[in-house]
Amino acid sequence: MPGTKVLTAHVPIELADKVDLLAESSERSRGWIIKRALAEYIERAELRQAMIQQGLDAVERGETVSHAEAATWLKSLGTVNPMPLPGVKKRG
């Protein structure tokens, strides 16, 4: 099949059985279920990594909120007068 690559993985029997049950109940093939699960996992992992990098880049630019400001804001949540989200201040 052009444009594809066979991957082999050893998975616990319980997980393989769950894949089989899901494939049967959704009338999809085992391969379809595994491709979909792998694609969704990779998409989430890439998004997580991008968000981490955005945070690291913001820290490098000095765009931070102090621990004290964050703690004060958190303590105000759930009270009658919650504080607004603290603003990012350029530090450096």
N, C-alpha and C. Protein backbone atom coordinates (compact mmCIF):
# COMPACT_ATOMS: atom_id res chain seq x y z
N MET A 1 0.84 -1.18 0.00
CA MET A 1 0.00 0.00 0.00
C MET A 1 0.89 1.25 0.00
N PRO A 2 0.88 2.05 -1.04
CA PRO A 2 1.74 3.23 -1.08
C PRO A 2 1.31 4.27 -0.05
N GLY A 3 2.30 5.00 0.47
CA GLY A 3 2.00 6.06 1.42
C GLY A 3 1.75 5.58 2.83
N THR A 4 2.02 4.34 3.11
CA THR A 4 1.83 3.83 4.47
C THR A 4 3.09 3.09 4.90
N LYS A 5 3.18 2.84 6.18
CA LYS A 5 4.31 2.11 6.73
C LYS A 5 3.78 1.20 7.83
N VAL A 6 4.21 -0.02 7.84
CA VAL A 6 3.77 -0.97 8.85
C VAL A 6 4.58 -0.74 10.12
N LEU A 7 3.87 -0.60 11.24
CA LEU A 7 4.49 -0.49 12.55
C LEU A 7 4.06 -1.70 13.37
N THR A 8 4.95 -2.20 14.18
CA THR A 8 4.63 -3.34 15.03
C THR A 8 4.81 -2.93 16.48
N ALA A 9 3.87 -3.29 17.32
CA ALA A 9 3.97 -2.97 18.74
C ALA A 9 3.40 -4.13 19.55
N HIS A 10 4.07 -4.44 20.63
CA HIS A 10 3.55 -5.43 21.57
C HIS A 10 2.71 -4.67 22.59
N VAL A 11 1.45 -5.05 22.72
CA VAL A 11 0.55 -4.39 23.67
C VAL A 11 -0.01 -5.43 24.63
N PRO A 12 -0.38 -5.00 25.83
CA PRO A 12 -0.98 -5.94 26.77
C PRO A 12 -2.25 -6.56 26.18
N ILE A 13 -2.52 -7.79 26.54
CA ILE A 13 -3.69 -8.51 26.02
C ILE A 13 -4.96 -7.73 26.32
N GLU A 14 -5.07 -7.16 27.53
CA GLU A 14 -6.27 -6.40 27.88
C GLU A 14 -6.51 -5.24 26.91
N LEU A 15 -5.44 -4.55 26.54
CA LEU A 15 -5.57 -3.42 25.61
C LEU A 15 -5.98 -3.91 24.22
N ALA A 16 -5.36 -5.00 23.78
CA ALA A 16 -5.71 -5.56 22.47
C ALA A 16 -7.18 -6.00 22.45
N ASP A 17 -7.63 -6.58 23.56
CA ASP A 17 -9.03 -7.00 23.65
C ASP A 17 -9.97 -5.79 23.58
N LYS A 18 -9.58 -4.70 24.22
CA LYS A 18 -10.40 -3.48 24.17
C LYS A 18 -10.46 -2.92 22.75
N VAL A 19 -9.34 -2.97 22.04
CA VAL A 19 -9.32 -2.52 20.65
C VAL A 19 -10.28 -3.38 19.83
N ASP A 20 -10.22 -4.69 20.03
CA ASP A 20 -11.09 -5.59 19.29
C ASP A 20 -12.57 -5.33 19.59
N LEU A 21 -12.89 -5.10 20.87
CA LEU A 21 -14.29 -4.82 21.23
C LEU A 21 -14.77 -3.52 20.61
N LEU A 22 -13.92 -2.50 20.66
CA LEU A 22 -14.28 -1.22 20.07
C LEU A 22 -14.45 -1.34 18.56
N ALA A 23 -13.55 -2.08 17.93
CA ALA A 23 -13.65 -2.27 16.48
C ALA A 23 -14.96 -2.97 16.12
N GLU A 24 -15.28 -4.00 16.89
CA GLU A 24 -16.50 -4.75 16.61
C GLU A 24 -17.74 -3.88 16.84
N SER A 25 -17.78 -3.17 17.95
CA SER A 25 -18.98 -2.38 18.27
C SER A 25 -19.15 -1.18 17.34
N SER A 26 -18.06 -0.69 16.78
CA SER A 26 -18.16 0.47 15.88
C SER A 26 -18.14 0.06 14.41
N GLU A 27 -18.07 -1.23 14.19
CA GLU A 27 -18.02 -1.78 12.83
C GLU A 27 -16.87 -1.17 12.03
N ARG A 28 -15.73 -1.07 12.69
CA ARG A 28 -14.50 -0.59 12.06
C ARG A 28 -13.45 -1.69 12.19
N SER A 29 -12.40 -1.57 11.42
CA SER A 29 -11.32 -2.55 11.53
C SER A 29 -10.42 -2.21 12.71
N ARG A 30 -9.69 -3.21 13.17
CA ARG A 30 -8.71 -3.00 14.23
C ARG A 30 -7.69 -1.95 13.78
N GLY A 31 -7.25 -2.03 12.54
CA GLY A 31 -6.29 -1.07 12.00
C GLY A 31 -6.83 0.35 12.02
N TRP A 32 -8.12 0.52 11.69
CA TRP A 32 -8.72 1.85 11.69
C TRP A 32 -8.72 2.43 13.10
N ILE A 33 -9.09 1.61 14.09
CA ILE A 33 -9.13 2.06 15.48
C ILE A 33 -7.72 2.48 15.93
N ILE A 34 -6.73 1.67 15.63
CA ILE A 34 -5.36 1.96 16.07
C ILE A 34 -4.82 3.20 15.36
N LYS A 35 -5.07 3.34 14.06
CA LYS A 35 -4.61 4.55 13.34
C LYS A 35 -5.24 5.80 13.93
N ARG A 36 -6.54 5.73 14.22
CA ARG A 36 -7.25 6.89 14.78
C ARG A 36 -6.70 7.24 16.16
N ALA A 37 -6.51 6.22 16.99
CA ALA A 37 -5.99 6.45 18.35
C ALA A 37 -4.58 7.04 18.30
N LEU A 38 -3.75 6.52 17.44
CA LEU A 38 -2.38 7.01 17.32
C LEU A 38 -2.35 8.44 16.80
N ALA A 39 -3.17 8.73 15.81
CA ALA A 39 -3.23 10.09 15.25
C ALA A 39 -3.69 11.09 16.31
N GLU A 40 -4.71 10.73 17.08
CA GLU A 40 -5.21 11.63 18.12
C GLU A 40 -4.18 11.82 19.23
N TYR A 41 -3.49 10.76 19.60
CA TYR A 41 -2.45 10.86 20.63
C TYR A 41 -1.34 11.80 20.18
N ILE A 42 -0.88 11.63 18.95
CA ILE A 42 0.21 12.47 18.43
C ILE A 42 -0.25 13.92 18.32
N GLU A 43 -1.47 14.15 17.89
CA GLU A 43 -1.99 15.51 17.79
C GLU A 43 -1.97 16.19 19.16
N ARG A 44 -2.44 15.48 20.20
CA ARG A 44 -2.44 16.05 21.56
C ARG A 44 -1.02 16.27 22.06
N ALA A 45 -0.12 15.33 21.79
CA ALA A 45 1.27 15.48 22.24
C ALA A 45 1.94 16.67 21.57
N GLU A 46 1.69 16.87 20.29
CA GLU A 46 2.26 18.02 19.58
C GLU A 46 1.70 19.33 20.12
N LEU A 47 0.41 19.36 20.40
CA LEU A 47 -0.20 20.56 20.96
C LEU A 47 0.38 20.86 22.34
N ARG A 48 0.52 19.82 23.17
CA ARG A 48 1.10 19.99 24.50
C ARG A 48 2.50 20.56 24.40
N GLN A 49 3.31 20.01 23.49
CA GLN A 49 4.68 20.49 23.31
C GLN A 49 4.71 21.93 22.83
N ALA A 50 3.81 22.30 21.93
CA ALA A 50 3.75 23.68 21.44
C ALA A 50 3.37 24.64 22.57
N MET A 51 2.43 24.22 23.42
CA MET A 51 2.03 25.08 24.53
C MET A 51 3.16 25.25 25.54
N ILE A 52 3.90 24.18 25.79
CA ILE A 52 5.06 24.27 26.68
C ILE A 52 6.07 25.25 26.11
N GLN A 53 6.32 25.14 24.81
CA GLN A 53 7.29 26.04 24.17
C GLN A 53 6.83 27.48 24.23
N GLN A 54 5.53 27.73 24.04
CA GLN A 54 5.00 29.09 24.15
C GLN A 54 5.25 29.65 25.55
N GLY A 55 5.06 28.83 26.57
CA GLY A 55 5.31 29.26 27.93
C GLY A 55 6.77 29.56 28.18
N LEU A 56 7.64 28.70 27.69
CA LEU A 56 9.08 28.92 27.85
C LEU A 56 9.52 30.18 27.11
N ASP A 57 8.97 30.40 25.93
CA ASP A 57 9.29 31.61 25.17
C ASP A 57 8.84 32.86 25.92
N ALA A 58 7.65 32.80 26.54
CA ALA A 58 7.15 33.94 27.30
C ALA A 58 8.05 34.23 28.49
N VAL A 59 8.52 33.20 29.15
CA VAL A 59 9.44 33.39 30.28
C VAL A 59 10.73 34.03 29.80
N GLU A 60 11.25 33.57 28.67
CA GLU A 60 12.48 34.18 28.12
C GLU A 60 12.29 35.66 27.82
N ARG A 61 11.08 36.04 27.40
CA ARG A 61 10.79 37.44 27.12
C ARG A 61 10.50 38.23 28.40
N GLY A 62 10.48 37.53 29.52
CA GLY A 62 10.23 38.19 30.79
C GLY A 62 8.76 38.40 31.09
N GLU A 63 7.90 37.75 30.36
CA GLU A 63 6.45 37.90 30.55
C GLU A 63 5.99 36.90 31.61
N THR A 64 5.96 37.36 32.86
CA THR A 64 5.64 36.47 33.96
C THR A 64 4.68 37.13 34.95
N VAL A 65 4.15 36.32 35.83
CA VAL A 65 3.34 36.78 36.95
C VAL A 65 4.04 36.26 38.20
N SER A 66 4.20 37.11 39.20
CA SER A 66 4.91 36.68 40.41
C SER A 66 4.10 35.63 41.16
N HIS A 67 4.80 34.85 41.95
CA HIS A 67 4.14 33.83 42.76
C HIS A 67 3.15 34.48 43.72
N ALA A 68 3.55 35.58 44.32
CA ALA A 68 2.68 36.27 45.28
C ALA A 68 1.39 36.73 44.62
N GLU A 69 1.50 37.30 43.42
CA GLU A 69 0.29 37.76 42.70
C GLU A 69 -0.62 36.58 42.36
N ALA A 70 -0.02 35.49 41.90
CA ALA A 70 -0.80 34.31 41.54
C ALA A 70 -1.47 33.72 42.78
N ALA A 71 -0.74 33.64 43.89
CA ALA A 71 -1.29 33.07 45.12
C ALA A 71 -2.44 33.92 45.65
N THR A 72 -2.28 35.23 45.61
CA THR A 72 -3.34 36.13 46.07
C THR A 72 -4.59 35.95 45.21
N TRP A 73 -4.40 35.88 43.91
CA TRP A 73 -5.53 35.69 42.99
C TRP A 73 -6.22 34.35 43.28
N LEU A 74 -5.43 33.29 43.43
CA LEU A 74 -6.02 31.97 43.68
C LEU A 74 -6.84 31.96 44.97
N LYS A 75 -6.33 32.60 46.01
CA LYS A 75 -7.05 32.64 47.29
C LYS A 75 -8.37 33.38 47.16
N SER A 76 -8.46 34.31 46.21
CA SER A 76 -9.69 35.09 46.05
C SER A 76 -10.79 34.32 45.31
N LEU A 77 -10.41 33.28 44.60
CA LEU A 77 -11.40 32.51 43.83
C LEU A 77 -12.37 31.82 44.79
N GLY A 78 -13.62 31.83 44.46
CA GLY A 78 -14.63 31.21 45.29
C GLY A 78 -15.11 32.11 46.42
N THR A 79 -14.58 33.32 46.49
CA THR A 79 -15.04 34.28 47.50
C THR A 79 -16.11 35.17 46.89
N VAL A 80 -16.66 36.04 47.72
CA VAL A 80 -17.70 36.97 47.25
C VAL A 80 -17.13 37.93 46.22
N ASN A 81 -15.89 38.34 46.38
CA ASN A 81 -15.25 39.29 45.47
C ASN A 81 -13.96 38.72 44.89
N PRO A 82 -14.07 37.80 43.93
CA PRO A 82 -12.84 37.26 43.34
C PRO A 82 -12.09 38.35 42.57
N MET A 83 -10.78 38.27 42.66
CA MET A 83 -9.94 39.25 41.95
C MET A 83 -9.88 38.90 40.48
N PRO A 84 -9.63 39.90 39.63
CA PRO A 84 -9.42 39.60 38.21
C PRO A 84 -8.09 38.86 38.03
N LEU A 85 -7.99 38.16 36.95
CA LEU A 85 -6.76 37.45 36.62
C LEU A 85 -5.60 38.43 36.60
N PRO A 86 -4.49 38.11 37.29
CA PRO A 86 -3.37 39.06 37.30
C PRO A 86 -2.80 39.25 35.90
N GLY A 87 -2.39 40.46 35.63
CA GLY A 87 -1.82 40.76 34.32
C GLY A 87 -0.36 40.37 34.25
N VAL A 88 0.07 40.03 33.07
CA VAL A 88 1.47 39.69 32.84
C VAL A 88 2.28 40.98 32.87
N LYS A 89 3.37 40.92 33.59
CA LYS A 89 4.25 42.08 33.66
C LYS A 89 5.59 41.71 33.05
N LYS A 90 6.10 42.59 32.24
CA LYS A 90 7.42 42.38 31.63
C LYS A 90 8.46 42.58 32.71
N ARG A 91 9.23 41.55 32.96
CA ARG A 91 10.27 41.61 33.97
C ARG A 91 11.62 41.58 33.28
N GLY A 92 12.58 42.10 33.91
CA GLY A 92 13.90 42.00 33.30
C GLY A 92 14.71 43.15 33.54
